[in-house]
Structures are given as C-alpha cells and as structure tokens.
Protein backbone atom coordinates (compact mmCIF):
# COMPACT_ATOMS: atom_id res chain seq x y z
CA MET A 1 278.63 284.31 127.78
CA LEU A 2 277.34 284.74 131.30
CA SER A 3 279.90 285.45 133.99
CA ARG A 4 280.20 283.52 137.24
CA GLN A 5 278.78 286.49 139.11
CA GLU A 6 275.83 286.78 136.73
CA ILE A 7 275.02 283.06 137.02
CA SER A 8 275.17 283.06 140.82
CA GLY A 9 272.93 286.16 140.82
CA ILE A 10 270.30 284.38 138.72
CA LEU A 11 270.41 281.37 141.02
CA ARG A 12 270.09 283.54 144.12
CA ASN A 13 267.15 285.57 142.77
CA LYS A 14 263.80 284.33 144.14
CA ASP A 15 261.56 286.26 141.74
CA LYS A 16 259.20 283.65 140.25
CA GLY A 17 258.43 285.82 137.23
CA LYS A 18 262.11 286.03 136.32
CA ALA A 19 262.42 282.27 136.79
CA ARG A 20 259.57 281.68 134.33
CA SER A 21 261.26 283.99 131.83
CA LEU A 22 264.52 282.09 132.32
CA PHE A 23 262.83 278.75 131.65
CA ALA A 24 261.06 280.14 128.57
CA GLU A 25 264.34 281.43 127.11
CA ALA A 26 266.08 278.11 127.80
CA ASP A 27 263.19 276.27 126.15
CA ARG A 28 263.48 278.54 123.10
CA LEU A 29 267.20 277.83 122.84
CA ARG A 30 266.58 274.11 123.28
CA ARG A 31 264.18 274.21 120.34
CA GLN A 32 266.69 276.19 118.29
CA TYR A 33 269.62 273.86 118.98
CA THR A 34 268.00 270.41 119.37
CA GLY A 35 264.45 270.65 118.01
CA ASP A 36 261.39 269.08 119.63
CA ASP A 37 262.67 265.51 119.67
CA VAL A 38 263.30 263.90 123.04
CA HIS A 39 266.10 261.34 122.85
CA LEU A 40 265.88 258.21 124.97
CA ARG A 41 268.90 256.66 126.71
CA GLY A 42 267.95 253.27 128.15
CA ILE A 43 269.84 252.59 131.39
CA ILE A 44 270.83 249.08 132.47
CA GLU A 45 272.13 249.21 136.05
CA PHE A 46 274.05 245.95 135.88
CA SER A 47 275.88 245.98 139.24
CA ASN A 48 275.46 247.82 142.54
CA HIS A 49 278.84 246.75 143.94
CA CYS A 50 281.18 249.70 144.45
CA ARG A 51 284.70 250.10 145.77
CA GLN A 52 284.14 253.78 146.53
CA ASP A 53 282.78 255.20 149.80
CA CYS A 54 281.17 258.46 148.64
CA LEU A 55 279.31 260.13 151.48
CA TYR A 56 276.21 260.91 149.38
CA CYS A 57 275.63 257.55 147.66
CA GLY A 58 273.61 254.56 148.83
CA LEU A 59 275.90 252.21 146.89
CA ARG A 60 278.92 253.21 149.02
CA ARG A 61 280.95 250.21 150.15
CA SER A 62 280.27 250.95 153.83
CA ASN A 63 276.51 250.52 153.39
CA LYS A 64 275.97 247.08 154.92
CA ASN A 65 272.18 247.34 154.64
CA LEU A 66 272.19 247.05 150.86
CA ILE A 67 271.64 243.72 149.11
CA ARG A 68 274.25 243.53 146.35
CA TYR A 69 273.81 242.06 142.88
CA ARG A 70 275.55 241.59 139.55
CA MET A 71 273.68 240.92 136.32
CA PRO A 72 275.30 238.20 134.17
CA PRO A 73 276.44 239.35 130.70
CA LYS A 74 273.83 237.19 128.94
CA GLU A 75 271.07 238.97 130.84
CA ILE A 76 272.52 242.40 130.04
CA LEU A 77 272.55 241.45 126.36
CA SER A 78 268.96 240.20 126.57
CA VAL A 79 267.79 243.51 128.07
CA SER A 80 269.71 245.36 125.35
CA LYS A 81 267.86 243.37 122.70
CA SER A 82 264.55 244.29 124.32
CA ALA A 83 265.57 247.95 124.23
CA ARG A 84 266.29 247.75 120.52
CA ARG A 85 262.90 246.13 119.87
CA ALA A 86 261.35 249.09 121.69
CA ASP A 87 263.17 251.50 119.31
CA ILE A 88 265.54 252.73 122.01
CA ARG A 89 268.76 253.44 120.13
CA THR A 90 271.10 254.13 123.05
CA VAL A 91 271.96 251.63 125.79
CA VAL A 92 273.66 252.96 128.93
CA LEU A 93 275.67 250.34 130.83
CA GLN A 94 275.89 251.72 134.36
CA SER A 95 277.26 250.34 137.61
CA GLY A 96 279.14 251.21 140.73
CA GLU A 97 282.92 250.95 140.49
CA ASP A 98 282.83 247.15 140.60
CA PRO A 99 286.34 245.65 140.41
CA GLN A 100 284.93 242.15 139.81
CA TYR A 101 283.86 242.94 136.26
CA ASN A 102 286.63 241.79 133.93
CA ILE A 103 287.38 244.50 131.37
CA GLY A 104 288.02 241.95 128.62
CA GLU A 105 284.69 240.22 129.18
CA PHE A 106 282.96 243.59 129.40
CA CYS A 107 284.49 244.66 126.09
CA GLY A 108 283.23 241.43 124.55
CA LEU A 109 279.72 242.27 125.77
CA ILE A 110 279.94 245.75 124.25
CA GLY A 111 280.86 244.19 120.90
CA LYS A 112 277.74 242.00 121.01
CA ILE A 113 275.48 244.93 121.94
CA LYS A 114 276.91 247.03 119.11
CA LYS A 115 275.63 244.42 116.63
CA LEU A 116 272.11 245.52 117.60
CA ASP A 117 272.72 248.87 115.82
CA VAL A 118 272.59 250.98 118.98
CA ALA A 119 274.90 253.52 120.57
CA VAL A 120 276.59 252.25 123.73
CA THR A 121 277.25 254.56 126.67
CA VAL A 122 279.46 253.27 129.49
CA CYS A 123 279.20 254.58 133.05
CA ILE A 124 281.49 252.59 135.34
CA GLY A 125 283.54 255.31 137.02
CA GLU A 126 287.25 256.03 136.97
CA CYS A 127 289.46 253.67 134.95
CA SER A 128 292.99 253.70 133.60
CA TYR A 129 293.68 255.30 130.24
CA ALA A 130 294.43 251.83 128.86
CA ASP A 131 291.04 250.49 129.94
CA TYR A 132 289.24 253.50 128.49
CA ARG A 133 291.06 252.83 125.22
CA ARG A 134 289.99 249.17 125.28
CA LEU A 135 286.36 250.22 125.81
CA LYS A 136 286.59 252.58 122.85
CA GLU A 137 288.19 249.94 120.66
CA ALA A 138 285.43 247.49 121.64
CA GLY A 139 282.86 249.88 120.20
CA ALA A 140 281.70 252.05 123.09
CA ASP A 141 280.48 255.37 121.70
CA ARG A 142 279.99 257.45 124.82
CA TYR A 143 281.15 257.66 128.40
CA LEU A 144 279.35 259.25 131.33
CA LEU A 145 281.46 260.44 134.26
CA LYS A 146 279.95 263.11 136.50
CA PHE A 147 282.29 265.30 138.52
CA GLU A 148 279.41 266.22 140.92
CA THR A 149 281.01 269.46 142.14
CA SER A 150 283.90 271.63 140.94
CA ASP A 151 284.65 272.73 144.51
CA ALA A 152 287.86 270.77 145.15
CA VAL A 153 287.43 270.93 148.94
CA LEU A 154 283.85 269.60 148.85
CA TYR A 155 284.86 266.98 146.29
CA LYS A 156 287.60 265.60 148.52
CA LYS A 157 285.26 265.66 151.52
CA PHE A 158 282.40 263.81 149.83
CA ARG A 159 284.58 261.36 147.87
CA PRO A 160 287.20 260.14 150.38
CA GLY A 161 290.46 259.11 148.77
CA ASN A 162 289.66 260.90 145.50
CA THR A 163 290.50 264.26 143.99
CA LEU A 164 288.78 266.58 141.53
CA SER A 165 292.00 266.82 139.51
CA ARG A 166 291.96 263.07 138.90
CA ARG A 167 288.31 263.23 137.79
CA LEU A 168 289.05 266.02 135.35
CA GLU A 169 292.06 264.08 134.06
CA CYS A 170 289.79 261.12 133.31
CA LEU A 171 287.40 263.40 131.41
CA ALA A 172 290.36 264.74 129.40
CA TRP A 173 291.41 261.18 128.55
CA LEU A 174 287.90 260.36 127.35
CA LYS A 175 287.88 263.42 125.10
CA LYS A 176 291.31 262.47 123.73
CA LEU A 177 289.99 258.98 122.89
CA LYS A 178 287.12 260.56 120.92
CA PHE A 179 284.30 259.39 123.17
CA GLN A 180 281.13 261.45 123.21
CA VAL A 181 281.56 262.59 126.81
CA GLY A 182 278.88 263.23 129.40
CA SER A 183 279.37 264.67 132.86
CA GLY A 184 277.33 266.59 135.39
CA ILE A 185 276.67 267.61 138.96
CA MET A 186 274.38 267.28 141.93
CA VAL A 187 272.63 270.45 143.08
CA GLY A 188 272.13 270.94 146.81
CA LEU A 189 275.13 269.18 148.33
CA PRO A 190 275.73 270.35 151.92
CA GLY A 191 278.08 273.33 151.84
CA GLN A 192 277.63 273.95 148.13
CA THR A 193 277.20 277.63 147.20
CA PHE A 194 275.62 279.39 144.25
CA GLU A 195 279.08 280.59 143.30
CA SER A 196 280.28 277.00 143.27
CA ILE A 197 277.40 275.93 141.03
CA ALA A 198 278.15 278.85 138.71
CA GLY A 199 281.71 277.52 138.47
CA ASP A 200 280.33 274.07 137.61
CA ILE A 201 278.33 275.49 134.71
CA LEU A 202 281.32 277.36 133.32
CA ILE A 203 283.36 274.13 133.50
CA PHE A 204 280.64 272.40 131.43
CA GLU A 205 281.34 274.88 128.66
CA LYS A 206 285.12 274.71 129.08
CA LEU A 207 285.09 270.90 128.77
CA GLY A 208 282.95 271.00 125.62
CA LEU A 209 280.72 268.25 126.99
CA ASP A 210 278.39 266.38 124.67
CA MET A 211 275.87 265.60 127.42
CA ILE A 212 275.32 267.19 130.84
CA GLY A 213 273.30 265.60 133.64
CA ILE A 214 271.96 267.79 136.44
CA GLY A 215 270.08 266.31 139.36
CA PRO A 216 269.15 267.17 142.92
CA PHE A 217 271.08 265.86 145.89
CA ILE A 218 268.65 263.55 147.72
CA PRO A 219 269.90 262.50 151.20
CA HIS A 220 270.12 258.73 151.69
CA PRO A 221 269.33 257.38 155.19
CA ASP A 222 272.23 254.87 155.06
CA THR A 223 274.91 257.48 154.41
CA PRO A 224 276.72 260.04 156.57
CA LEU A 225 274.64 262.79 154.90
CA ALA A 226 271.33 261.40 156.13
CA GLY A 227 269.11 264.18 157.45
CA SER A 228 270.69 266.87 155.28
CA LYS A 229 268.44 269.55 153.85
CA ARG A 230 266.87 268.80 150.46
CA ILE A 231 267.08 271.25 147.58
CA ASP A 232 263.96 272.65 145.94
CA LEU A 233 263.17 271.71 142.34
CA GLY A 234 263.11 275.36 141.25
CA THR A 235 266.83 275.78 141.87
CA VAL A 236 267.62 272.58 139.97
CA LEU A 237 265.53 273.80 137.02
CA LYS A 238 267.41 277.10 137.03
CA VAL A 239 270.69 275.19 136.76
CA VAL A 240 269.26 273.18 133.84
CA ALA A 241 268.10 276.38 132.12
CA ILE A 242 271.36 278.28 132.59
CA THR A 243 273.32 275.24 131.41
CA ARG A 244 271.31 275.28 128.19
CA MET A 245 271.99 278.97 127.75
CA VAL A 246 275.72 278.59 128.36
CA THR A 247 276.42 275.32 126.51
CA GLY A 248 274.07 275.73 123.55
CA ASN A 249 273.79 272.38 121.77
CA ALA A 250 274.72 269.95 124.55
CA HIS A 251 272.28 267.12 125.23
CA ILE A 252 270.70 267.69 128.66
CA PRO A 253 268.58 264.98 130.32
CA ALA A 254 265.51 265.49 132.44
CA THR A 255 266.90 263.19 135.10
CA THR A 256 265.06 260.47 136.97
CA ALA A 257 266.03 262.26 140.19
CA VAL A 258 263.99 265.37 139.30
CA GLY A 259 261.04 263.06 138.67
CA SER A 260 261.63 261.53 142.08
CA ILE A 261 261.26 264.83 143.97
CA ASP A 262 258.34 266.13 141.90
CA ALA A 263 255.58 264.13 140.20
CA VAL A 264 256.04 266.08 136.96
CA GLY A 265 259.67 267.01 137.50
CA ARG A 266 260.85 265.51 134.22
CA GLU A 267 258.21 267.39 132.26
CA LYS A 268 259.25 270.62 133.98
CA ALA A 269 262.91 269.98 133.14
CA LEU A 270 262.02 269.29 129.51
CA GLN A 271 260.32 272.69 129.46
CA ALA A 272 263.37 274.37 131.01
CA GLY A 273 265.99 273.35 128.46
CA ALA A 274 266.31 269.54 128.67
CA ASN A 275 265.97 267.28 125.62
CA VAL A 276 266.82 263.76 126.86
CA VAL A 277 265.07 261.22 129.11
CA MET A 278 266.81 258.14 130.50
CA PRO A 279 264.28 255.34 131.13
CA ASP A 280 265.41 252.59 133.48
CA LEU A 281 265.53 249.23 131.66
CA THR A 282 266.97 247.32 134.62
CA PRO A 283 264.80 244.27 135.39
CA ALA A 284 262.43 245.02 138.27
CA ARG A 285 263.96 242.36 140.54
CA TYR A 286 267.20 244.37 140.64
CA ARG A 287 265.95 247.96 140.51
CA ARG A 288 265.24 248.53 144.19
CA TYR A 289 268.79 247.48 145.03
CA TYR A 290 270.39 250.13 142.79
CA ASP A 291 269.69 252.41 145.70
CA ILE A 292 271.75 255.54 145.02
CA TYR A 293 269.09 257.73 146.63
CA PRO A 294 265.72 257.02 148.32
CA GLY A 295 262.33 257.47 146.69
CA LYS A 296 263.43 256.62 143.16
CA ILE A 297 260.42 256.36 140.84
CA CYS A 298 259.29 253.24 138.97
CA VAL A 299 261.44 250.79 140.97
CA GLY A 300 258.69 248.15 141.02
CA GLU A 301 257.87 248.22 137.30
CA ASP A 302 259.42 246.60 134.25
CA ALA A 303 260.26 248.64 131.16
CA GLU A 304 257.19 247.30 129.35
CA GLU A 305 255.06 249.11 131.92
CA CYS A 306 257.17 252.28 132.19
CA LEU A 307 257.80 253.12 128.54
CA PRO A 308 254.18 253.71 127.40
CA CYS A 309 253.65 256.04 130.37
CA LEU A 310 256.88 257.88 129.60
CA TYR A 311 255.90 258.36 125.96
CA ARG A 312 252.54 259.80 126.99
CA ARG A 313 254.24 262.22 129.37
CA ILE A 314 256.59 263.44 126.65
CA GLN A 315 253.74 263.86 124.16
CA SER A 316 251.60 265.68 126.73
CA ILE A 317 253.93 268.70 126.57
CA GLY A 318 253.97 268.83 122.80
CA ARG A 319 257.24 266.94 122.28
CA ARG A 320 257.94 263.78 120.30
CA VAL A 321 260.01 260.71 121.09
CA SER A 322 263.01 260.31 118.81
CA VAL A 323 263.85 256.91 117.35
CA THR A 324 267.40 257.96 116.37
CA ARG A 325 270.66 257.45 118.26
CA GLY A 326 270.76 261.12 119.21
CA ASP A 327 274.49 261.49 118.75
CA SER A 328 276.41 264.54 119.89
CA LEU A 329 275.48 267.76 118.13
CA LYS A 330 279.09 268.85 118.46
CA LEU A 331 280.40 266.29 115.97
C-alpha cells in the first residue's frame, strides 16, 4: 500500500518517463484485475433542476442562464429500452438534486427498467436512509455519489450548506443497504493540494468502493469559479493510475470530462488503468442543458451517432466492448 506521502510525491513529480512507467504499471494491473473488456454505463440525464448551489457546477440553483428541463418517466423508459437494444447492460439515471421527482414514482420507473434485464445505477444526490432503502427495494443495483474532495474545509466552501461528514454518512448508508457503490473526485479544484488528492485516494480504498470516477475540474463561466486555472490531463491520468494501483479491482471509468479536455482523453485514461466508459444516452434536445461544465463532447449528437464512434475508439487501442452488466468485482 502506498502512503499519503508517496502518492503526493508521485503526483508532484514532473518526470515524463516516470509518468509513462506509472501508466504502464496501472494498465498491467487493470488487465490483471479486470481483463481487456470495457464496460459501458449508459447515462440518462433526466433532470437538470438542482436544489444545491455548488460553486463549481453549472446546474447550481443560482444559475439563472440555464434552461431547465425534466424528462417524463415514459421517455426515460423509452431511452432505457433503446439502450438495451444496443446491448448496453447498465442504465445510469442521473440528475441534479431535483425535489420535484416523487420517490414513489421514481421507484416505479426503476421497476419497469429492471424488466429490461439491465443493471440500474441511480445518481440523484443525498437522500434520507429511508429513500435509499426504497430505491434498493425497487430494484436499483448501484448508487453513484461522488464526494469530490476529502478536504473538509474545501468541501464546505464549494458546497455551501453541506458537510463532508454528511456525504460520507450517505456513502456508509448505501454500503449498509448492499448497493454497489460508486464515488469519486474532481482533480484541480482551486486550493486543492497533492496531499489532499492523496488523501482522497486512500479514502477510496478505505470505503471499499465498487466504482471510482475521477475527472478534471473544468471552470464554468456561470459559476463563482469562472476563470479558475484548469488542470492538465497528465495529473488527472496520474490520479487514475494510482487509484488503480491502490484499489485493485474497482471499476474506474474513463470519464466524459477527460474526453472534453483532450480529443483522445478517454483512450489515454483507458491506457492508464480505467476499464469503463459512460456514453451519454440523453436525447440530443436535452443534452446541452445538462451543463455541469463547458465544452462537453457530443452534446449535439444522439446515441445512435455516438455509440459506433465510441466502439471504434475502444477497439483502436486493442480493447473490446463488453456486453455484460459489469457488476462489482468485489462481490
């Protein structure tokens, strides 16, 4: 196990040769633990309404420049059916923290999607223990709840009215309810240090996460962090690689965000320890309004256009697209 000091030292080191060696070792471990399959998680961003006011996010409630939308349940189910026809075996239901979505109706939707023989991941933010239990009982398999940073001071600053302890409590509840649990961080938040990121990685291992998402902080012009410095892809890839080395068999996505800051960012992440890609299945008429960060790729294309391109990209680096659910390797 790497120590916090060792991890921060690797992140701080600017030697490109050592970085290449790091990526090669992470890729070797990825092959050992997860094989050459790349698992697909199809995301449906069904609402961009959010009660939170996070300083880094374009969906924040104070952003009055954003056109808001909610997909009706019938449309969400229709997109889920299209995903299944495309051999995508995991559907990710993602939104801002939208208080207008009735938990009972949402659970009913999950039950209908489960009949398609797919895994269902829910990503709707912080809920009560009772609501998490209802989601689990409705058939939800996985829950994604990023903690973004383990620095409690930065967390409180960037997520007004929220605390890191509450976030970690929610993750503990999800584990107790036997969800396959995903979490993750942003790399490059203003004021974030290498030591802080090292602490994040060690928390990944401590939590025993089933999936870990790592993406770059991309400043949004309609947030208080507009104009902040952007992180380089190399540092993000180092975090991906070290996370693979520390957590072993966790599923790690090559996030859309890394593809948004580098034309082949997802391919690079897949070669630095990642083994999951999360194609956006949200209908094109909504995509540009799920504006978490600027410059998001593929916002003007439907899934029918994006998926063949994505498959070619995966195959171009000698990997194959899995047609399985890609459940946790920790089960």
